């Protein structure tokens, strides 16, 4: 199932997540830094969502309070909650 998350405080406007249980099948960012977003998406593909949440939660971009990786952790948390 596909989950759509509206990130806050970052350049990306949407994050789409597809899970197979707790395994990340696909992540897509709309907007933001294309290379970084594609790189993050490829790095997390096939990983356990809970592990990725632990690694990415709290990552900041510059002086901002959040980042696209941090927002991905929130998107994954929401997706896992909806999986139940």
PDB file of N, CA and C in Angstrom:
ATOM      1  N   UNK A   1       0.837  -1.177   0.000  1.00  0.00           N
ATOM      2  CA  UNK A   1       0.000   0.000   0.000  1.00  0.00           C
ATOM      3  C   UNK A   1       0.889   1.250   0.000  1.00  0.00           C
ATOM      4  N   UNK A   2       0.431   2.283  -0.657  1.00  0.00           N
ATOM      5  CA  UNK A   2       1.186   3.516  -0.772  1.00  0.00           C
ATOM      6  C   UNK A   2       0.672   4.547   0.237  1.00  0.00           C
ATOM      7  N   UNK A   3       1.603   5.232   0.894  1.00  0.00           N
ATOM      8  CA  UNK A   3       1.271   6.250   1.879  1.00  0.00           C
ATOM      9  C   UNK A   3       1.852   7.578   1.426  1.00  0.00           C
ATOM     10  N   UNK A   4       1.067   8.631   1.560  1.00  0.00           N
ATOM     11  CA  UNK A   4       1.502   9.963   1.158  1.00  0.00           C
ATOM     12  C   UNK A   4       1.615  10.831   2.405  1.00  0.00           C
ATOM     13  N   UNK A   5       2.753  11.501   2.531  1.00  0.00           N
ATOM     14  CA  UNK A   5       3.033  12.340   3.693  1.00  0.00           C
ATOM     15  C   UNK A   5       3.375  13.739   3.202  1.00  0.00           C
ATOM     16  N   UNK A   6       2.812  14.751   3.834  1.00  0.00           N
ATOM     17  CA  UNK A   6       3.104  16.155   3.525  1.00  0.00           C
ATOM     18  C   UNK A   6       4.144  16.658   4.521  1.00  0.00           C
ATOM     19  N   UNK A   7       5.412  16.771   4.089  1.00  0.00           N
ATOM     20  CA  UNK A   7       6.467  17.213   5.004  1.00  0.00           C
ATOM     21  C   UNK A   7       6.333  18.694   5.363  1.00  0.00           C
ATOM     22  N   UNK A   8       6.946  19.059   6.484  1.00  0.00           N
ATOM     23  CA  UNK A   8       6.923  20.436   6.965  1.00  0.00           C
ATOM     24  C   UNK A   8       8.347  20.942   7.155  1.00  0.00           C
ATOM     25  N   UNK A   9       8.576  22.187   6.779  1.00  0.00           N
ATOM     26  CA  UNK A   9       9.866  22.822   7.038  1.00  0.00           C
ATOM     27  C   UNK A   9      10.990  22.412   6.120  1.00  0.00           C
ATOM     28  N   UNK A  10      10.662  21.797   4.974  1.00  0.00           N
ATOM     29  CA  UNK A  10      11.687  21.366   4.022  1.00  0.00           C
ATOM     30  C   UNK A  10      11.272  21.753   2.604  1.00  0.00           C
ATOM     31  N   UNK A  11      12.183  21.583   1.666  1.00  0.00           N
ATOM     32  CA  UNK A  11      11.903  21.929   0.267  1.00  0.00           C
ATOM     33  C   UNK A  11      10.956  20.933  -0.406  1.00  0.00           C
ATOM     34  N   UNK A  12      10.978  19.695   0.002  1.00  0.00           N
ATOM     35  CA  UNK A  12      10.097  18.688  -0.592  1.00  0.00           C
ATOM     36  C   UNK A  12       8.644  18.993  -0.248  1.00  0.00           C
ATOM     37  N   UNK A  13       7.749  18.751  -1.204  1.00  0.00           N
ATOM     38  CA  UNK A  13       6.334  19.032  -0.971  1.00  0.00           C
ATOM     39  C   UNK A  13       5.538  17.787  -0.610  1.00  0.00           C
ATOM     40  N   UNK A  14       6.008  16.606  -1.012  1.00  0.00           N
ATOM     41  CA  UNK A  14       5.350  15.335  -0.680  1.00  0.00           C
ATOM     42  C   UNK A  14       6.383  14.231  -0.577  1.00  0.00           C
ATOM     43  N   UNK A  15       6.095  13.263   0.289  1.00  0.00           N
ATOM     44  CA  UNK A  15       6.901  12.041   0.360  1.00  0.00           C
ATOM     45  C   UNK A  15       5.930  10.877   0.216  1.00  0.00           C
ATOM     46  N   UNK A  16       6.209  10.005  -0.732  1.00  0.00           N
ATOM     47  CA  UNK A  16       5.397   8.811  -0.947  1.00  0.00           C
ATOM     48  C   UNK A  16       6.201   7.604  -0.488  1.00  0.00           C
ATOM     49  N   UNK A  17       5.570   6.764   0.329  1.00  0.00           N
ATOM     50  CA  UNK A  17       6.234   5.584   0.906  1.00  0.00           C
ATOM     51  C   UNK A  17       5.416   4.349   0.574  1.00  0.00           C
ATOM     52  N   UNK A  18       6.104   3.287   0.162  1.00  0.00           N
ATOM     53  CA  UNK A  18       5.452   2.001  -0.046  1.00  0.00           C
ATOM     54  C   UNK A  18       6.172   0.960   0.805  1.00  0.00           C
ATOM     55  N   UNK A  19       5.405   0.267   1.658  1.00  0.00           N
ATOM     56  CA  UNK A  19       5.966  -0.739   2.555  1.00  0.00           C
ATOM     57  C   UNK A  19       5.441  -2.130   2.213  1.00  0.00           C
ATOM     58  N   UNK A  20       6.238  -3.117   2.566  1.00  0.00           N
ATOM     59  CA  UNK A  20       5.821  -4.516   2.562  1.00  0.00           C
ATOM     60  C   UNK A  20       6.037  -4.979   3.997  1.00  0.00           C
ATOM     61  N   UNK A  21       4.989  -4.879   4.811  1.00  0.00           N
ATOM     62  CA  UNK A  21       5.151  -5.106   6.245  1.00  0.00           C
ATOM     63  C   UNK A  21       5.965  -3.963   6.816  1.00  0.00           C
ATOM     64  N   UNK A  22       7.138  -4.269   7.353  1.00  0.00           N
ATOM     65  CA  UNK A  22       8.030  -3.227   7.876  1.00  0.00           C
ATOM     66  C   UNK A  22       9.207  -2.951   6.942  1.00  0.00           C
ATOM     67  N   UNK A  23       9.197  -3.571   5.771  1.00  0.00           N
ATOM     68  CA  UNK A  23      10.275  -3.380   4.805  1.00  0.00           C
ATOM     69  C   UNK A  23       9.905  -2.287   3.806  1.00  0.00           C
ATOM     70  N   UNK A  24      10.825  -1.376   3.578  1.00  0.00           N
ATOM     71  CA  UNK A  24      10.594  -0.281   2.645  1.00  0.00           C
ATOM     72  C   UNK A  24      10.768  -0.791   1.220  1.00  0.00           C
ATOM     73  N   UNK A  25       9.700  -0.703   0.439  1.00  0.00           N
ATOM     74  CA  UNK A  25       9.748  -1.096  -0.972  1.00  0.00           C
ATOM     75  C   UNK A  25      10.122   0.076  -1.859  1.00  0.00           C
ATOM     76  N   UNK A  26       9.611   1.264  -1.508  1.00  0.00           N
ATOM     77  CA  UNK A  26       9.816   2.418  -2.381  1.00  0.00           C
ATOM     78  C   UNK A  26       9.604   3.712  -1.594  1.00  0.00           C
ATOM     79  N   UNK A  27      10.436   4.713  -1.887  1.00  0.00           N
ATOM     80  CA  UNK A  27      10.278   6.056  -1.336  1.00  0.00           C
ATOM     81  C   UNK A  27      10.484   7.038  -2.478  1.00  0.00           C
ATOM     82  N   UNK A  28       9.591   8.019  -2.588  1.00  0.00           N
ATOM     83  CA  UNK A  28       9.732   9.071  -3.586  1.00  0.00           C
ATOM     84  C   UNK A  28       9.502  10.424  -2.923  1.00  0.00           C
ATOM     85  N   UNK A  29      10.365  11.374  -3.231  1.00  0.00           N
ATOM     86  CA  UNK A  29      10.221  12.755  -2.776  1.00  0.00           C
ATOM     87  C   UNK A  29       9.760  13.589  -3.960  1.00  0.00           C
ATOM     88  N   UNK A  30       8.820  14.482  -3.735  1.00  0.00           N
ATOM     89  CA  UNK A  30       8.400  15.443  -4.747  1.00  0.00           C
ATOM     90  C   UNK A  30       9.004  16.783  -4.354  1.00  0.00           C
ATOM     91  N   UNK A  31       9.833  17.331  -5.220  1.00  0.00           N
ATOM     92  CA  UNK A  31      10.497  18.590  -4.928  1.00  0.00           C
ATOM     93  C   UNK A  31      11.739  18.370  -4.089  1.00  0.00           C
ATOM     94  N   UNK A  32      12.393  19.450  -3.754  1.00  0.00           N
ATOM     95  CA  UNK A  32      13.606  19.350  -2.954  1.00  0.00           C
ATOM     96  C   UNK A  32      14.835  19.089  -3.811  1.00  0.00           C
ATOM     97  N   UNK A  33      15.914  18.721  -3.170  1.00  0.00           N
ATOM     98  CA  UNK A  33      17.184  18.451  -3.849  1.00  0.00           C
ATOM     99  C   UNK A  33      17.124  17.079  -4.514  1.00  0.00           C
ATOM    100  N   UNK A  34      17.059  17.077  -5.812  1.00  0.00           N
ATOM    101  CA  UNK A  34      16.832  15.847  -6.567  1.00  0.00           C
ATOM    102  C   UNK A  34      17.857  14.748  -6.275  1.00  0.00           C
ATOM    103  N   UNK A  35      19.128  15.088  -6.311  1.00  0.00           N
ATOM    104  CA  UNK A  35      20.163  14.074  -6.087  1.00  0.00           C
ATOM    105  C   UNK A  35      20.107  13.491  -4.686  1.00  0.00           C
ATOM    106  N   UNK A  36      19.943  14.345  -3.690  1.00  0.00           N
ATOM    107  CA  UNK A  36      19.862  13.866  -2.311  1.00  0.00           C
ATOM    108  C   UNK A  36      18.623  13.004  -2.105  1.00  0.00           C
ATOM    109  N   UNK A  37      17.499  13.454  -2.638  1.00  0.00           N
ATOM    110  CA  UNK A  37      16.256  12.701  -2.477  1.00  0.00           C
ATOM    111  C   UNK A  37      16.341  11.327  -3.132  1.00  0.00           C
ATOM    112  N   UNK A  38      16.882  11.288  -4.337  1.00  0.00           N
ATOM    113  CA  UNK A  38      17.031   9.991  -5.026  1.00  0.00           C
ATOM    114  C   UNK A  38      18.018   9.100  -4.290  1.00  0.00           C
ATOM    115  N   UNK A  39      19.096   9.699  -3.772  1.00  0.00           N
ATOM    116  CA  UNK A  39      20.085   8.924  -3.029  1.00  0.00           C
ATOM    117  C   UNK A  39      19.505   8.316  -1.764  1.00  0.00           C
ATOM    118  N   UNK A  40      18.774   9.118  -1.001  1.00  0.00           N
ATOM    119  CA  UNK A  40      18.132   8.620   0.218  1.00  0.00           C
ATOM    120  C   UNK A  40      17.167   7.497  -0.127  1.00  0.00           C
ATOM    121  N   UNK A  41      16.378   7.703  -1.182  1.00  0.00           N
ATOM    122  CA  UNK A  41      15.393   6.697  -1.592  1.00  0.00           C
ATOM    123  C   UNK A  41      16.056   5.364  -1.915  1.00  0.00           C
ATOM    124  N   UNK A  42      17.179   5.401  -2.607  1.00  0.00           N
ATOM    125  CA  UNK A  42      17.884   4.174  -2.954  1.00  0.00           C
ATOM    126  C   UNK A  42      18.533   3.523  -1.735  1.00  0.00           C
ATOM    127  N   UNK A  43      19.066   4.341  -0.834  1.00  0.00           N
ATOM    128  CA  UNK A  43      19.729   3.804   0.355  1.00  0.00           C
ATOM    129  C   UNK A  43      18.768   3.069   1.286  1.00  0.00           C
ATOM    130  N   UNK A  44      17.537   3.546   1.398  1.00  0.00           N
ATOM    131  CA  UNK A  44      16.597   2.943   2.350  1.00  0.00           C
ATOM    132  C   UNK A  44      15.779   1.804   1.749  1.00  0.00           C
ATOM    133  N   UNK A  45      15.793   1.673   0.437  1.00  0.00           N
ATOM    134  CA  UNK A  45      15.033   0.609  -0.227  1.00  0.00           C
ATOM    135  C   UNK A  45      15.501  -0.764   0.279  1.00  0.00           C
ATOM    136  N   UNK A  46      14.542  -1.569   0.737  1.00  0.00           N
ATOM    137  CA  UNK A  46      14.847  -2.899   1.250  1.00  0.00           C
ATOM    138  C   UNK A  46      15.183  -2.925   2.737  1.00  0.00           C
ATOM    139  N   UNK A  47      15.275  -1.769   3.357  1.00  0.00           N
ATOM    140  CA  UNK A  47      15.605  -1.685   4.787  1.00  0.00           C
ATOM    141  C   UNK A  47      14.352  -1.790   5.655  1.00  0.00           C
ATOM    142  N   UNK A  48      14.570  -2.134   6.905  1.00  0.00           N
ATOM    143  CA  UNK A  48      13.492  -2.152   7.882  1.00  0.00           C
ATOM    144  C   UNK A  48      13.145  -0.700   8.233  1.00  0.00           C
ATOM    145  N   UNK A  49      11.861  -0.365   8.142  1.00  0.00           N
ATOM    146  CA  UNK A  49      11.417   1.011   8.380  1.00  0.00           C
ATOM    147  C   UNK A  49      11.762   1.496   9.778  1.00  0.00           C
ATOM    148  N   UNK A  50      11.652   0.632  10.781  1.00  0.00           N
ATOM    149  CA  UNK A  50      11.955   1.058  12.153  1.00  0.00           C
ATOM    150  C   UNK A  50      13.440   1.397  12.320  1.00  0.00           C
ATOM    151  N   UNK A  51      14.298   0.654  11.651  1.00  0.00           N
ATOM    152  CA  UNK A  51      15.733   0.955  11.697  1.00  0.00           C
ATOM    153  C   UNK A  51      16.025   2.301  11.035  1.00  0.00           C
ATOM    154  N   UNK A  52      15.373   2.559   9.912  1.00  0.00           N
ATOM    155  CA  UNK A  52      15.570   3.822   9.195  1.00  0.00           C
ATOM    156  C   UNK A  52      15.067   4.995  10.040  1.00  0.00           C
ATOM    157  N   UNK A  53      13.936   4.816  10.707  1.00  0.00           N
ATOM    158  CA  UNK A  53      13.402   5.869  11.580  1.00  0.00           C
ATOM    159  C   UNK A  53      14.445   6.223  12.645  1.00  0.00           C
ATOM    160  N   UNK A  54      15.033   5.219  13.276  1.00  0.00           N
ATOM    161  CA  UNK A  54      16.039   5.460  14.326  1.00  0.00           C
ATOM    162  C   UNK A  54      17.250   6.218  13.783  1.00  0.00           C
ATOM    163  N   UNK A  55      17.666   5.884  12.567  1.00  0.00           N
ATOM    164  CA  UNK A  55      18.854   6.509  11.988  1.00  0.00           C
ATOM    165  C   UNK A  55      18.612   7.937  11.518  1.00  0.00           C
ATOM    166  N   UNK A  56      17.424   8.212  11.005  1.00  0.00           N
ATOM    167  CA  UNK A  56      17.169   9.509  10.383  1.00  0.00           C
ATOM    168  C   UNK A  56      16.489  10.534  11.289  1.00  0.00           C
ATOM    169  N   UNK A  57      15.823  10.075  12.334  1.00  0.00           N
ATOM    170  CA  UNK A  57      15.101  10.994  13.218  1.00  0.00           C
ATOM    171  C   UNK A  57      16.063  12.008  13.810  1.00  0.00           C
ATOM    172  N   UNK A  58      15.708  13.275  13.681  1.00  0.00           N
ATOM    173  CA  UNK A  58      16.504  14.346  14.276  1.00  0.00           C
ATOM    174  C   UNK A  58      17.590  14.924  13.383  1.00  0.00           C
ATOM    175  N   UNK A  59      17.804  14.355  12.193  1.00  0.00           N
ATOM    176  CA  UNK A  59      18.791  14.920  11.271  1.00  0.00           C
ATOM    177  C   UNK A  59      18.298  16.296  10.836  1.00  0.00           C
ATOM    178  N   UNK A  60      19.191  17.278  10.878  1.00  0.00           N
ATOM    179  CA  UNK A  60      18.806  18.644  10.536  1.00  0.00           C
ATOM    180  C   UNK A  60      19.524  19.099   9.273  1.00  0.00           C
ATOM    181  N   UNK A  61      18.907  20.030   8.583  1.00  0.00           N
ATOM    182  CA  UNK A  61      19.481  20.622   7.367  1.00  0.00           C
ATOM    183  C   UNK A  61      19.908  22.045   7.702  1.00  0.00           C
ATOM    184  N   UNK A  62      21.201  22.288   7.711  1.00  0.00           N
ATOM    185  CA  UNK A  62      21.700  23.621   8.033  1.00  0.00           C
ATOM    186  C   UNK A  62      21.258  24.047   9.421  1.00  0.00           C
ATOM    187  N   UNK A  63      20.694  25.236   9.516  1.00  0.00           N
ATOM    188  CA  UNK A  63      20.228  25.748  10.798  1.00  0.00           C
ATOM    189  C   UNK A  63      18.749  25.449  11.032  1.00  0.00           C
ATOM    190  N   UNK A  64      18.122  24.713  10.117  1.00  0.00           N
ATOM    191  CA  UNK A  64      16.702  24.381  10.245  1.00  0.00           C
ATOM    192  C   UNK A  64      16.448  23.382  11.364  1.00  0.00           C
ATOM    193  N   UNK A  65      15.199  23.232  11.700  1.00  0.00           N
ATOM    194  CA  UNK A  65      14.783  22.319  12.766  1.00  0.00           C
ATOM    195  C   UNK A  65      14.574  20.893  12.267  1.00  0.00           C
ATOM    196  N   UNK A  66      14.585  20.691  10.950  1.00  0.00           N
ATOM    197  CA  UNK A  66      14.311  19.380  10.373  1.00  0.00           C
ATOM    198  C   UNK A  66      15.075  19.245   9.064  1.00  0.00           C
ATOM    199  N   UNK A  67      14.833  18.170   8.336  1.00  0.00           N
ATOM    200  CA  UNK A  67      15.454  17.920   7.036  1.00  0.00           C
ATOM    201  C   UNK A  67      14.586  16.922   6.297  1.00  0.00           C
ATOM    202  N   UNK A  68      14.891  16.684   5.037  1.00  0.00           N
ATOM    203  CA  UNK A  68      14.141  15.665   4.294  1.00  0.00           C
ATOM    204  C   UNK A  68      14.325  14.273   4.912  1.00  0.00           C
ATOM    205  N   UNK A  69      15.546  13.889   5.337  1.00  0.00           N
ATOM    206  CA  UNK A  69      15.674  12.597   6.011  1.00  0.00           C
ATOM    207  C   UNK A  69      14.840  12.519   7.298  1.00  0.00           C
ATOM    208  N   UNK A  70      14.833  13.583   8.089  1.00  0.00           N
ATOM    209  CA  UNK A  70      14.021  13.609   9.307  1.00  0.00           C
ATOM    210  C   UNK A  70      12.540  13.487   8.955  1.00  0.00           C
ATOM    211  N   UNK A  71      12.106  14.206   7.936  1.00  0.00           N
ATOM    212  CA  UNK A  71      10.705  14.133   7.526  1.00  0.00           C
ATOM    213  C   UNK A  71      10.358  12.743   6.998  1.00  0.00           C
ATOM    214  N   UNK A  72      11.312  12.081   6.351  1.00  0.00           N
ATOM    215  CA  UNK A  72      11.082  10.701   5.918  1.00  0.00           C
ATOM    216  C   UNK A  72      10.844   9.813   7.127  1.00  0.00           C
ATOM    217  N   UNK A  73      11.554  10.041   8.215  1.00  0.00           N
ATOM    218  CA  UNK A  73      11.341   9.221   9.415  1.00  0.00           C
ATOM    219  C   UNK A  73       9.912   9.380   9.927  1.00  0.00           C
ATOM    220  N   UNK A  74       9.372  10.594   9.859  1.00  0.00           N
ATOM    221  CA  UNK A  74       7.986  10.823  10.282  1.00  0.00           C
ATOM    222  C   UNK A  74       7.004  10.168   9.311  1.00  0.00           C
ATOM    223  N   UNK A  75       7.325  10.235   8.017  1.00  0.00           N
ATOM    224  CA  UNK A  75       6.469   9.589   7.010  1.00  0.00           C
ATOM    225  C   UNK A  75       6.424   8.082   7.236  1.00  0.00           C
ATOM    226  N   UNK A  76       7.573   7.490   7.525  1.00  0.00           N
ATOM    227  CA  UNK A  76       7.628   6.046   7.778  1.00  0.00           C
ATOM    228  C   UNK A  76       6.855   5.676   9.038  1.00  0.00           C
ATOM    229  N   UNK A  77       6.977   6.492  10.072  1.00  0.00           N
ATOM    230  CA  UNK A  77       6.243   6.223  11.315  1.00  0.00           C
ATOM    231  C   UNK A  77       4.731   6.239  11.054  1.00  0.00           C
ATOM    232  N   UNK A  78       4.295   7.222  10.284  1.00  0.00           N
ATOM    233  CA  UNK A  78       2.863   7.314   9.950  1.00  0.00           C
ATOM    234  C   UNK A  78       2.429   6.114   9.103  1.00  0.00           C
ATOM    235  N   UNK A  79       3.252   5.724   8.154  1.00  0.00           N
ATOM    236  CA  UNK A  79       2.924   4.581   7.303  1.00  0.00           C
ATOM    237  C   UNK A  79       2.815   3.301   8.129  1.00  0.00           C
ATOM    238  N   UNK A  80       3.757   3.095   9.052  1.00  0.00           N
ATOM    239  CA  UNK A  80       3.704   1.906   9.912  1.00  0.00           C
ATOM    240  C   UNK A  80       2.430   1.897  10.764  1.00  0.00           C
ATOM    241  N   UNK A  81       2.040   3.061  11.266  1.00  0.00           N
ATOM    242  CA  UNK A  81       0.833   3.160  12.084  1.00  0.00           C
ATOM    243  C   UNK A  81      -0.414   2.813  11.266  1.00  0.00           C
ATOM    244  N   UNK A  82      -0.425   3.196  10.003  1.00  0.00           N
ATOM    245  CA  UNK A  82      -1.560   2.906   9.136  1.00  0.00           C
ATOM    246  C   UNK A  82      -1.586   1.459   8.669  1.00  0.00           C
ATOM    247  N   UNK A  83      -0.432   0.799   8.717  1.00  0.00           N
ATOM    248  CA  UNK A  83      -0.332  -0.606   8.313  1.00  0.00           C
ATOM    249  C   UNK A  83      -1.095  -1.515   9.267  1.00  0.00           C
ATOM    250  N   UNK A  84      -1.229  -1.097  10.525  1.00  0.00           N
ATOM    251  CA  UNK A  84      -1.837  -1.949  11.558  1.00  0.00           C
ATOM    252  C   UNK A  84      -3.301  -2.130  11.345  1.00  0.00           C
TER     253      UNK A  84
END
